[in-house]
PDB file of N, CA and C in Angstrom:
ATOM      1  N   MET A   1    -100.831 134.729  45.185  1.00  0.00           N
ATOM      2  CA  MET A   1    -101.545 135.753  44.989  1.00  0.00           C
ATOM      3  C   MET A   1    -102.841 135.742  45.798  1.00  0.00           C
ATOM      4  N   GLN A   2    -103.010 136.767  46.624  1.00  0.00           N
ATOM      5  CA  GLN A   2    -104.272 136.733  47.461  1.00  0.00           C
ATOM      6  C   GLN A   2    -105.331 137.406  46.682  1.00  0.00           C
ATOM      7  N   ARG A   3    -106.540 136.776  46.643  1.00  0.00           N
ATOM      8  CA  ARG A   3    -107.724 137.306  45.945  1.00  0.00           C
ATOM      9  C   ARG A   3    -108.600 137.939  46.941  1.00  0.00           C
ATOM     10  N   SER A   4    -109.016 139.155  46.542  1.00  0.00           N
ATOM     11  CA  SER A   4    -109.984 139.740  47.408  1.00  0.00           C
ATOM     12  C   SER A   4    -111.413 139.497  47.018  1.00  0.00           C
ATOM     13  N   ARG A   5    -112.378 139.651  47.884  1.00  0.00           N
ATOM     14  CA  ARG A   5    -113.676 139.364  47.566  1.00  0.00           C
ATOM     15  C   ARG A   5    -114.307 140.517  46.772  1.00  0.00           C
ATOM     16  N   GLN A   6    -115.138 140.228  45.856  1.00  0.00           N
ATOM     17  CA  GLN A   6    -115.788 141.291  45.066  1.00  0.00           C
ATOM     18  C   GLN A   6    -116.811 142.088  45.943  1.00  0.00           C
ATOM     19  N   THR A   7    -117.059 143.357  45.568  1.00  0.00           N
ATOM     20  CA  THR A   7    -118.059 144.180  46.298  1.00  0.00           C
ATOM     21  C   THR A   7    -119.442 143.614  46.078  1.00  0.00           C
ATOM     22  N   ALA A   8    -120.206 143.519  47.152  1.00  0.00           N
ATOM     23  CA  ALA A   8    -121.516 143.037  47.061  1.00  0.00           C
ATOM     24  C   ALA A   8    -122.435 144.412  46.864  1.00  0.00           C
ATOM     25  N   PHE A   9    -122.846 144.669  45.657  1.00  0.00           N
ATOM     26  CA  PHE A   9    -123.590 145.816  45.285  1.00  0.00           C
ATOM     27  C   PHE A   9    -125.010 145.782  45.843  1.00  0.00           C
ATOM     28  N   LYS A  10    -125.553 146.925  46.285  1.00  0.00           N
ATOM     29  CA  LYS A  10    -126.864 147.065  46.655  1.00  0.00           C
ATOM     30  C   LYS A  10    -127.694 147.374  45.360  1.00  0.00           C
ATOM     31  N   VAL A  11    -128.542 146.441  44.931  1.00  0.00           N
ATOM     32  CA  VAL A  11    -129.256 146.625  43.758  1.00  0.00           C
ATOM     33  C   VAL A  11    -130.678 146.152  44.002  1.00  0.00           C
ATOM     34  N   TRP A  12    -131.670 146.597  43.099  1.00  0.00           N
ATOM     35  CA  TRP A  12    -132.991 146.012  43.161  1.00  0.00           C
ATOM     36  C   TRP A  12    -132.946 144.717  42.399  1.00  0.00           C
ATOM     37  N   ILE A  13    -133.831 143.786  42.786  1.00  0.00           N
ATOM     38  CA  ILE A  13    -134.060 142.515  42.188  1.00  0.00           C
ATOM     39  C   ILE A  13    -134.326 142.688  40.710  1.00  0.00           C
ATOM     40  N   TYR A  14    -135.209 143.718  40.353  1.00  0.00           N
ATOM     41  CA  TYR A  14    -135.641 143.930  38.991  1.00  0.00           C
ATOM     42  C   TYR A  14    -134.324 144.190  38.155  1.00  0.00           C
ATOM     43  N   ASP A  15    -133.441 144.899  38.652  1.00  0.00           N
ATOM     44  CA  ASP A  15    -132.179 145.181  37.944  1.00  0.00           C
ATOM     45  C   ASP A  15    -131.292 143.883  37.679  1.00  0.00           C
ATOM     46  N   ILE A  16    -131.367 142.988  38.609  1.00  0.00           N
ATOM     47  CA  ILE A  16    -130.566 141.724  38.423  1.00  0.00           C
ATOM     48  C   ILE A  16    -131.221 140.948  37.289  1.00  0.00           C
ATOM     49  N   LYS A  17    -132.524 140.823  37.384  1.00  0.00           N
ATOM     50  CA  LYS A  17    -133.324 139.924  36.434  1.00  0.00           C
ATOM     51  C   LYS A  17    -133.473 140.553  34.997  1.00  0.00           C
ATOM     52  N   ASN A  18    -133.347 141.885  34.872  1.00  0.00           N
ATOM     53  CA  ASN A  18    -133.638 142.526  33.578  1.00  0.00           C
ATOM     54  C   ASN A  18    -132.442 143.188  32.946  1.00  0.00           C
ATOM     55  N   ASN A  19    -131.269 142.714  33.240  1.00  0.00           N
ATOM     56  CA  ASN A  19    -130.034 143.100  32.638  1.00  0.00           C
ATOM     57  C   ASN A  19    -129.285 141.881  32.096  1.00  0.00           C
ATOM     58  N   GLU A  20    -128.292 142.123  31.378  1.00  0.00           N
ATOM     59  CA  GLU A  20    -127.537 140.977  30.726  1.00  0.00           C
ATOM     60  C   GLU A  20    -126.733 140.274  31.673  1.00  0.00           C
ATOM     61  N   TYR A  21    -126.878 138.918  31.678  1.00  0.00           N
ATOM     62  CA  TYR A  21    -126.074 138.021  32.528  1.00  0.00           C
ATOM     63  C   TYR A  21    -124.935 137.568  31.619  1.00  0.00           C
ATOM     64  N   ILE A  22    -123.711 137.755  32.111  1.00  0.00           N
ATOM     65  CA  ILE A  22    -122.510 137.385  31.356  1.00  0.00           C
ATOM     66  C   ILE A  22    -121.789 136.194  32.049  1.00  0.00           C
ATOM     67  N   LYS A  23    -121.702 135.180  31.284  1.00  0.00           N
ATOM     68  CA  LYS A  23    -120.986 133.919  31.805  1.00  0.00           C
ATOM     69  C   LYS A  23    -119.538 133.897  31.312  1.00  0.00           C
ATOM     70  N   GLU A  24    -118.533 134.098  32.207  1.00  0.00           N
ATOM     71  CA  GLU A  24    -117.129 134.140  31.947  1.00  0.00           C
ATOM     72  C   GLU A  24    -116.646 132.737  31.654  1.00  0.00           C
ATOM     73  N   LEU A  25    -115.591 132.653  30.786  1.00  0.00           N
ATOM     74  CA  LEU A  25    -115.082 131.410  30.417  1.00  0.00           C
ATOM     75  C   LEU A  25    -113.839 130.978  31.302  1.00  0.00           C
ATOM     76  N   GLY A  26    -113.168 132.022  31.895  1.00  0.00           N
ATOM     77  CA  GLY A  26    -112.112 131.770  32.732  1.00  0.00           C
ATOM     78  C   GLY A  26    -112.353 131.179  34.023  1.00  0.00           C
ATOM     79  N   GLU A  27    -111.408 130.457  34.552  1.00  0.00           N
ATOM     80  CA  GLU A  27    -111.630 129.588  35.797  1.00  0.00           C
ATOM     81  C   GLU A  27    -111.768 130.667  36.976  1.00  0.00           C
ATOM     82  N   TRP A  28    -111.044 131.706  36.970  1.00  0.00           N
ATOM     83  CA  TRP A  28    -111.046 132.705  38.126  1.00  0.00           C
ATOM     84  C   TRP A  28    -111.902 133.897  37.828  1.00  0.00           C
ATOM     85  N   GLU A  29    -112.367 134.041  36.718  1.00  0.00           N
ATOM     86  CA  GLU A  29    -113.259 135.283  36.512  1.00  0.00           C
ATOM     87  C   GLU A  29    -114.664 134.955  36.837  1.00  0.00           C
ATOM     88  N   PRO A  30    -115.350 135.718  37.661  1.00  0.00           N
ATOM     89  CA  PRO A  30    -116.671 135.464  38.104  1.00  0.00           C
ATOM     90  C   PRO A  30    -117.651 135.807  37.012  1.00  0.00           C
ATOM     91  N   ASN A  31    -118.848 135.120  36.921  1.00  0.00           N
ATOM     92  CA  ASN A  31    -119.940 135.540  36.099  1.00  0.00           C
ATOM     93  C   ASN A  31    -120.577 136.762  36.789  1.00  0.00           C
ATOM     94  N   TYR A  32    -121.215 137.508  35.971  1.00  0.00           N
ATOM     95  CA  TYR A  32    -121.858 138.755  36.528  1.00  0.00           C
ATOM     96  C   TYR A  32    -123.049 139.275  35.707  1.00  0.00           C
ATOM     97  N   VAL A  33    -123.728 140.198  36.383  1.00  0.00           N
ATOM     98  CA  VAL A  33    -124.774 140.931  35.664  1.00  0.00           C
ATOM     99  C   VAL A  33    -124.238 142.312  35.288  1.00  0.00           C
ATOM    100  N   LEU A  34    -124.348 142.681  34.018  1.00  0.00           N
ATOM    101  CA  LEU A  34    -123.916 143.911  33.635  1.00  0.00           C
ATOM    102  C   LEU A  34    -124.970 145.028  33.797  1.00  0.00           C
ATOM    103  N   PHE A  35    -124.760 145.957  34.717  1.00  0.00           N
ATOM    104  CA  PHE A  35    -125.806 146.986  35.112  1.00  0.00           C
ATOM    105  C   PHE A  35    -125.091 148.327  35.306  1.00  0.00           C
ATOM    106  N   ASN A  36    -125.481 149.381  34.590  1.00  0.00           N
ATOM    107  CA  ASN A  36    -124.941 150.642  34.682  1.00  0.00           C
ATOM    108  C   ASN A  36    -123.376 150.661  34.572  1.00  0.00           C
ATOM    109  N   ALA A  37    -122.929 149.864  33.551  1.00  0.00           N
ATOM    110  CA  ALA A  37    -121.502 149.651  33.326  1.00  0.00           C
ATOM    111  C   ALA A  37    -120.654 149.047  34.499  1.00  0.00           C
ATOM    112  N   LYS A  38    -121.352 148.456  35.405  1.00  0.00           N
ATOM    113  CA  LYS A  38    -120.772 147.603  36.476  1.00  0.00           C
ATOM    114  C   LYS A  38    -120.866 146.226  36.264  1.00  0.00           C
ATOM    115  N   LYS A  39    -119.935 145.491  36.645  1.00  0.00           N
ATOM    116  CA  LYS A  39    -119.898 144.058  36.618  1.00  0.00           C
ATOM    117  C   LYS A  39    -120.374 143.571  37.998  1.00  0.00           C
ATOM    118  N   ILE A  40    -121.585 143.155  38.163  1.00  0.00           N
ATOM    119  CA  ILE A  40    -122.138 142.863  39.453  1.00  0.00           C
ATOM    120  C   ILE A  40    -122.091 141.322  39.633  1.00  0.00           C
ATOM    121  N   SER A  41    -121.100 140.831  40.351  1.00  0.00           N
ATOM    122  CA  SER A  41    -120.872 139.429  40.620  1.00  0.00           C
ATOM    123  C   SER A  41    -121.342 139.027  41.974  1.00  0.00           C
ATOM    124  N   ARG A  42    -121.601 140.001  42.949  1.00  0.00           N
ATOM    125  CA  ARG A  42    -122.163 139.771  44.318  1.00  0.00           C
ATOM    126  C   ARG A  42    -123.147 140.863  44.526  1.00  0.00           C
ATOM    127  N   VAL A  43    -124.264 140.502  45.181  1.00  0.00           N
ATOM    128  CA  VAL A  43    -125.322 141.422  45.491  1.00  0.00           C
ATOM    129  C   VAL A  43    -125.652 141.484  46.923  1.00  0.00           C
ATOM    130  N   ASN A  44    -126.197 142.573  47.322  1.00  0.00           N
ATOM    131  CA  ASN A  44    -126.683 142.719  48.727  1.00  0.00           C
ATOM    132  C   ASN A  44    -127.951 143.265  48.659  1.00  0.00           C
ATOM    133  N   ILE A  45    -129.020 142.478  49.135  1.00  0.00           N
ATOM    134  CA  ILE A  45    -130.401 142.729  48.922  1.00  0.00           C
ATOM    135  C   ILE A  45    -131.168 142.599  50.180  1.00  0.00           C
ATOM    136  N   ILE A  46    -132.062 143.644  50.526  1.00  0.00           N
ATOM    137  CA  ILE A  46    -132.922 143.567  51.581  1.00  0.00           C
ATOM    138  C   ILE A  46    -134.272 143.275  51.118  1.00  0.00           C
ATOM    139  N   ALA A  47    -134.995 142.219  51.511  1.00  0.00           N
ATOM    140  CA  ALA A  47    -136.262 141.768  51.013  1.00  0.00           C
ATOM    141  C   ALA A  47    -136.984 140.977  51.986  1.00  0.00           C
ATOM    142  N   ASN A  48    -138.254 140.690  51.590  1.00  0.00           N
ATOM    143  CA  ASN A  48    -139.098 139.823  52.371  1.00  0.00           C
ATOM    144  C   ASN A  48    -139.293 138.471  51.839  1.00  0.00           C
ATOM    145  N   VAL A  49    -139.281 137.433  52.647  1.00  0.00           N
ATOM    146  CA  VAL A  49    -139.433 136.116  52.217  1.00  0.00           C
ATOM    147  C   VAL A  49    -140.935 135.816  51.933  1.00  0.00           C
ATOM    148  N   VAL A  50    -141.172 135.415  50.747  1.00  0.00           N
ATOM    149  CA  VAL A  50    -142.578 135.038  50.217  1.00  0.00           C
ATOM    150  C   VAL A  50    -142.818 133.645  50.126  1.00  0.00           C
ATOM    151  N   LEU A  51    -141.781 132.747  50.036  1.00  0.00           N
ATOM    152  CA  LEU A  51    -141.948 131.359  49.807  1.00  0.00           C
ATOM    153  C   LEU A  51    -140.707 130.576  50.289  1.00  0.00           C
ATOM    154  N   LYS A  52    -140.904 129.390  50.804  1.00  0.00           N
ATOM    155  CA  LYS A  52    -139.803 128.548  51.329  1.00  0.00           C
ATOM    156  C   LYS A  52    -140.135 127.092  50.947  1.00  0.00           C
ATOM    157  N   TYR A  53    -138.947 126.452  50.479  1.00  0.00           N
ATOM    158  CA  TYR A  53    -139.080 124.999  50.130  1.00  0.00           C
ATOM    159  C   TYR A  53    -137.793 124.324  50.562  1.00  0.00           C
ATOM    160  N   GLU A  54    -137.886 123.155  51.091  1.00  0.00           N
ATOM    161  CA  GLU A  54    -136.703 122.331  51.396  1.00  0.00           C
ATOM    162  C   GLU A  54    -137.132 120.839  51.039  1.00  0.00           C
ATOM    163  N   ASN A  55    -136.221 120.235  50.278  1.00  0.00           N
ATOM    164  CA  ASN A  55    -136.558 118.862  49.968  1.00  0.00           C
ATOM    165  C   ASN A  55    -136.464 117.921  51.120  1.00  0.00           C
ATOM    166  N   GLU A  56    -137.051 116.703  50.948  1.00  0.00           N
ATOM    167  CA  GLU A  56    -137.114 115.788  52.108  1.00  0.00           C
ATOM    168  C   GLU A  56    -135.762 115.333  52.692  1.00  0.00           C
ATOM    169  N   ASP A  57    -134.806 115.068  51.672  1.00  0.00           N
ATOM    170  CA  ASP A  57    -133.538 114.531  52.303  1.00  0.00           C
ATOM    171  C   ASP A  57    -132.537 115.642  52.561  1.00  0.00           C
ATOM    172  N   LYS A  58    -133.048 116.885  52.684  1.00  0.00           N
ATOM    173  CA  LYS A  58    -132.325 118.001  53.169  1.00  0.00           C
ATOM    174  C   LYS A  58    -130.982 118.353  52.379  1.00  0.00           C
ATOM    175  N   THR A  59    -131.040 118.174  51.099  1.00  0.00           N
ATOM    176  CA  THR A  59    -129.891 118.430  50.161  1.00  0.00           C
ATOM    177  C   THR A  59    -130.080 119.675  49.334  1.00  0.00           C
ATOM    178  N   TYR A  60    -131.345 120.256  49.423  1.00  0.00           N
ATOM    179  CA  TYR A  60    -131.565 121.424  48.654  1.00  0.00           C
ATOM    180  C   TYR A  60    -132.664 122.256  49.402  1.00  0.00           C
ATOM    181  N   ALA A  61    -132.381 123.575  49.466  1.00  0.00           N
ATOM    182  CA  ALA A  61    -133.359 124.513  49.969  1.00  0.00           C
ATOM    183  C   ALA A  61    -133.456 125.828  49.138  1.00  0.00           C
ATOM    184  N   GLN A  62    -134.655 126.320  49.108  1.00  0.00           N
ATOM    185  CA  GLN A  62    -134.878 127.539  48.290  1.00  0.00           C
ATOM    186  C   GLN A  62    -135.866 128.444  49.055  1.00  0.00           C
ATOM    187  N   ILE A  63    -135.468 129.725  48.977  1.00  0.00           N
ATOM    188  CA  ILE A  63    -136.535 130.759  49.397  1.00  0.00           C
ATOM    189  C   ILE A  63    -136.747 131.749  48.204  1.00  0.00           C
ATOM    190  N   VAL A  64    -137.880 132.312  48.218  1.00  0.00           N
ATOM    191  CA  VAL A  64    -138.219 133.364  47.217  1.00  0.00           C
ATOM    192  C   VAL A  64    -138.332 134.620  47.953  1.00  0.00           C
ATOM    193  N   ILE A  65    -137.576 135.683  47.579  1.00  0.00           N
ATOM    194  CA  ILE A  65    -137.586 136.966  48.223  1.00  0.00           C
ATOM    195  C   ILE A  65    -138.206 138.052  47.296  1.00  0.00           C
ATOM    196  N   ASP A  66    -138.796 139.032  47.880  1.00  0.00           N
ATOM    197  CA  ASP A  66    -139.447 140.187  47.097  1.00  0.00           C
ATOM    198  C   ASP A  66    -139.015 141.472  47.768  1.00  0.00           C
ATOM    199  N   ASP A  67    -138.355 142.345  47.033  1.00  0.00           N
ATOM    200  CA  ASP A  67    -137.950 143.622  47.522  1.00  0.00           C
ATOM    201  C   ASP A  67    -138.785 144.838  47.053  1.00  0.00           C
ATOM    202  N   GLY A  68    -140.037 144.435  46.468  1.00  0.00           N
ATOM    203  CA  GLY A  68    -140.927 145.436  45.987  1.00  0.00           C
ATOM    204  C   GLY A  68    -140.774 145.774  44.501  1.00  0.00           C
ATOM    205  N   SER A  69    -139.651 145.398  43.938  1.00  0.00           N
ATOM    206  CA  SER A  69    -139.359 145.630  42.471  1.00  0.00           C
ATOM    207  C   SER A  69    -139.696 144.368  41.662  1.00  0.00           C
ATOM    208  N   SER A  70    -139.385 143.260  42.357  1.00  0.00           N
ATOM    209  CA  SER A  70    -139.509 141.979  41.715  1.00  0.00           C
ATOM    210  C   SER A  70    -139.283 140.940  42.723  1.00  0.00           C
ATOM    211  N   ASP A  71    -139.244 139.597  42.304  1.00  0.00           N
ATOM    212  CA  ASP A  71    -138.950 138.543  43.244  1.00  0.00           C
ATOM    213  C   ASP A  71    -137.913 137.638  42.550  1.00  0.00           C
ATOM    214  N   ILE A  72    -137.156 136.883  43.405  1.00  0.00           N
ATOM    215  CA  ILE A  72    -136.058 136.102  42.845  1.00  0.00           C
ATOM    216  C   ILE A  72    -135.832 134.942  43.870  1.00  0.00           C
ATOM    217  N   SER A  73    -135.419 133.819  43.408  1.00  0.00           N
ATOM    218  CA  SER A  73    -135.062 132.644  44.182  1.00  0.00           C
ATOM    219  C   SER A  73    -133.698 132.809  44.760  1.00  0.00           C
ATOM    220  N   VAL A  74    -133.520 132.306  45.963  1.00  0.00           N
ATOM    221  CA  VAL A  74    -132.169 132.193  46.646  1.00  0.00           C
ATOM    222  C   VAL A  74    -132.078 130.615  46.985  1.00  0.00           C
ATOM    223  N   LYS A  75    -131.091 130.017  46.426  1.00  0.00           N
ATOM    224  CA  LYS A  75    -130.956 128.559  46.469  1.00  0.00           C
ATOM    225  C   LYS A  75    -129.608 128.183  47.174  1.00  0.00           C
ATOM    226  N   SER A  76    -129.720 127.055  47.790  1.00  0.00           N
ATOM    227  CA  SER A  76    -128.491 126.496  48.488  1.00  0.00           C
ATOM    228  C   SER A  76    -128.591 124.905  48.381  1.00  0.00           C
ATOM    229  N   TRP A  77    -127.457 124.237  48.476  1.00  0.00           N
ATOM    230  CA  TRP A  77    -127.396 122.870  48.283  1.00  0.00           C
ATOM    231  C   TRP A  77    -126.459 122.226  49.424  1.00  0.00           C
ATOM    232  N   ARG A  78    -126.680 121.033  49.757  1.00  0.00           N
ATOM    233  CA  ARG A  78    -126.003 120.258  50.685  1.00  0.00           C
ATOM    234  C   ARG A  78    -125.749 120.902  51.991  1.00  0.00           C
ATOM    235  N   GLU A  79    -124.489 121.006  52.514  1.00  0.00           N
ATOM    236  CA  GLU A  79    -124.357 121.578  53.835  1.00  0.00           C
ATOM    237  C   GLU A  79    -124.654 123.130  53.989  1.00  0.00           C
ATOM    238  N   ASP A  80    -124.760 123.746  52.835  1.00  0.00           N
ATOM    239  CA  ASP A  80    -125.017 125.199  52.881  1.00  0.00           C
ATOM    240  C   ASP A  80    -126.521 125.529  53.199  1.00  0.00           C
ATOM    241  N   ILE A  81    -127.396 124.558  53.146  1.00  0.00           N
ATOM    242  CA  ILE A  81    -128.813 124.732  53.433  1.00  0.00           C
ATOM    243  C   ILE A  81    -129.087 125.194  54.839  1.00  0.00           C
ATOM    244  N   ARG A  82    -128.109 124.918  55.717  1.00  0.00           N
ATOM    245  CA  ARG A  82    -128.351 125.428  57.143  1.00  0.00           C
ATOM    246  C   ARG A  82    -128.458 126.847  57.204  1.00  0.00           C
ATOM    247  N   VAL A  83    -127.977 127.604  56.215  1.00  0.00           N
ATOM    248  CA  VAL A  83    -128.102 129.135  56.246  1.00  0.00           C
ATOM    249  C   VAL A  83    -129.531 129.541  56.137  1.00  0.00           C
ATOM    250  N   LEU A  84    -130.303 128.762  55.467  1.00  0.00           N
ATOM    251  CA  LEU A  84    -131.713 129.096  55.228  1.00  0.00           C
ATOM    252  C   LEU A  84    -132.687 128.397  56.114  1.00  0.00           C
ATOM    253  N   GLU A  85    -132.181 127.603  57.066  1.00  0.00           N
ATOM    254  CA  GLU A  85    -133.021 126.768  58.061  1.00  0.00           C
ATOM    255  C   GLU A  85    -133.930 127.637  58.947  1.00  0.00           C
ATOM    256  N   ASP A  86    -133.442 128.729  59.488  1.00  0.00           N
ATOM    257  CA  ASP A  86    -134.167 129.502  60.498  1.00  0.00           C
ATOM    258  C   ASP A  86    -134.980 130.558  59.802  1.00  0.00           C
ATOM    259  N   ILE A  87    -135.081 130.723  58.478  1.00  0.00           N
ATOM    260  CA  ILE A  87    -135.741 131.716  57.808  1.00  0.00           C
ATOM    261  C   ILE A  87    -137.174 131.257  57.522  1.00  0.00           C
ATOM    262  N   ASN A  88    -138.139 132.111  57.725  1.00  0.00           N
ATOM    263  CA  ASN A  88    -139.556 131.834  57.526  1.00  0.00           C
ATOM    264  C   ASN A  88    -140.257 132.721  56.664  1.00  0.00           C
ATOM    265  N   ILE A  89    -141.406 132.354  56.039  1.00  0.00           N
ATOM    266  CA  ILE A  89    -142.119 133.196  55.275  1.00  0.00           C
ATOM    267  C   ILE A  89    -142.498 134.435  56.058  1.00  0.00           C
ATOM    268  N   GLY A  90    -142.375 135.651  55.514  1.00  0.00           N
ATOM    269  CA  GLY A  90    -142.723 136.979  56.168  1.00  0.00           C
ATOM    270  C   GLY A  90    -141.504 137.611  56.755  1.00  0.00           C
ATOM    271  N   ASP A  91    -140.399 136.867  56.967  1.00  0.00           N
ATOM    272  CA  ASP A  91    -139.160 137.495  57.512  1.00  0.00           C
ATOM    273  C   ASP A  91    -138.520 138.417  56.527  1.00  0.00           C
ATOM    274  N   THR A  92    -138.036 139.526  57.063  1.00  0.00           N
ATOM    275  CA  THR A  92    -137.152 140.487  56.264  1.00  0.00           C
ATOM    276  C   THR A  92    -135.792 139.985  56.366  1.00  0.00           C
ATOM    277  N   VAL A  93    -135.019 139.855  55.293  1.00  0.00           N
ATOM    278  CA  VAL A  93    -133.685 139.335  55.340  1.00  0.00           C
ATOM    279  C   VAL A  93    -132.774 140.171  54.550  1.00  0.00           C
ATOM    280  N   ILE A  94    -131.511 140.108  54.876  1.00  0.00           N
ATOM    281  CA  ILE A  94    -130.460 140.642  54.084  1.00  0.00           C
ATOM    282  C   ILE A  94    -129.734 139.522  53.375  1.00  0.00           C
ATOM    283  N   ILE A  95    -129.780 139.522  52.053  1.00  0.00           N
ATOM    284  CA  ILE A  95    -129.151 138.473  51.363  1.00  0.00           C
ATOM    285  C   ILE A  95    -127.885 138.966  50.682  1.00  0.00           C
ATOM    286  N   ILE A  96    -126.716 138.414  50.974  1.00  0.00           N
ATOM    287  CA  ILE A  96    -125.474 138.655  50.113  1.00  0.00           C
ATOM    288  C   ILE A  96    -125.148 137.359  49.433  1.00  0.00           C
ATOM    289  N   GLY A  97    -125.113 137.441  48.212  1.00  0.00           N
ATOM    290  CA  GLY A  97    -124.849 136.256  47.415  1.00  0.00           C
ATOM    291  C   GLY A  97    -124.375 136.588  45.980  1.00  0.00           C
ATOM    292  N   ARG A  98    -124.430 135.500  45.109  1.00  0.00           N
ATOM    293  CA  ARG A  98    -123.891 135.632  43.740  1.00  0.00           C
ATOM    294  C   ARG A  98    -125.102 135.341  42.777  1.00  0.00           C
ATOM    295  N   PRO A  99    -125.303 136.239  41.852  1.00  0.00           N
ATOM    296  CA  PRO A  99    -126.291 135.870  40.847  1.00  0.00           C
ATOM    297  C   PRO A  99    -125.763 134.690  39.930  1.00  0.00           C
ATOM    298  N   ARG A 100    -126.691 133.816  39.654  1.00  0.00           N
ATOM    299  CA  ARG A 100    -126.353 132.623  38.772  1.00  0.00           C
ATOM    300  C   ARG A 100    -127.506 132.477  37.788  1.00  0.00           C
ATOM    301  N   LYS A 101    -127.314 131.827  36.654  1.00  0.00           N
ATOM    302  CA  LYS A 101    -128.296 131.622  35.633  1.00  0.00           C
ATOM    303  C   LYS A 101    -128.228 130.127  35.272  1.00  0.00           C
ATOM    304  N   PHE A 102    -129.496 129.494  35.197  1.00  0.00           N
ATOM    305  CA  PHE A 102    -129.592 128.054  34.766  1.00  0.00           C
ATOM    306  C   PHE A 102    -130.891 127.974  34.123  1.00  0.00           C
ATOM    307  N   ASN A 103    -131.032 127.454  32.941  1.00  0.00           N
ATOM    308  CA  ASN A 103    -132.205 127.258  32.187  1.00  0.00           C
ATOM    309  C   ASN A 103    -133.123 128.558  32.130  1.00  0.00           C
ATOM    310  N   ASN A 104    -132.397 129.684  31.759  1.00  0.00           N
ATOM    311  CA  ASN A 104    -132.977 130.995  31.659  1.00  0.00           C
ATOM    312  C   ASN A 104    -133.590 131.522  32.928  1.00  0.00           C
ATOM    313  N   GLU A 105    -133.184 130.973  34.023  1.00  0.00           N
ATOM    314  CA  GLU A 105    -133.630 131.535  35.348  1.00  0.00           C
ATOM    315  C   GLU A 105    -132.521 132.161  36.067  1.00  0.00           C
ATOM    316  N   ILE A 106    -132.580 133.341  36.439  1.00  0.00           N
ATOM    317  CA  ILE A 106    -131.531 133.973  37.249  1.00  0.00           C
ATOM    318  C   ILE A 106    -131.976 133.875  38.650  1.00  0.00           C
ATOM    319  N   TYR A 107    -131.078 133.408  39.504  1.00  0.00           N
ATOM    320  CA  TYR A 107    -131.304 133.202  41.036  1.00  0.00           C
ATOM    321  C   TYR A 107    -130.024 133.652  41.743  1.00  0.00           C
ATOM    322  N   ILE A 108    -130.112 133.568  42.984  1.00  0.00           N
ATOM    323  CA  ILE A 108    -128.947 133.924  43.888  1.00  0.00           C
ATOM    324  C   ILE A 108    -128.509 132.766  44.725  1.00  0.00           C
ATOM    325  N   THR A 109    -127.340 132.511  44.762  1.00  0.00           N
ATOM    326  CA  THR A 109    -126.680 131.427  45.645  1.00  0.00           C
ATOM    327  C   THR A 109    -125.732 131.963  46.666  1.00  0.00           C
TER     328      THR A 109
END
């Protein structure tokens, strides 16, 4: 069975952070944010970078983006941090990723 990629919905960061995050129990069902009766498991956001962090051993990187409605972290680990390497504070970026929740923080990966 070939699985298709979920739609990356264009949403405001405020709507990601202020709606219910649903964690699915099944192995193949994605977690999602429930917004306007849509299960949003992938997002497409245009925003400005307001903060950037990378740890010393280059195994973790994070940027914080702001779209005018709110801000949210975009995080990556291990070999995926190369995606954030050339991004700088003040850049306008298009982020396509998955909302995740850990310790009551919603972020994008």
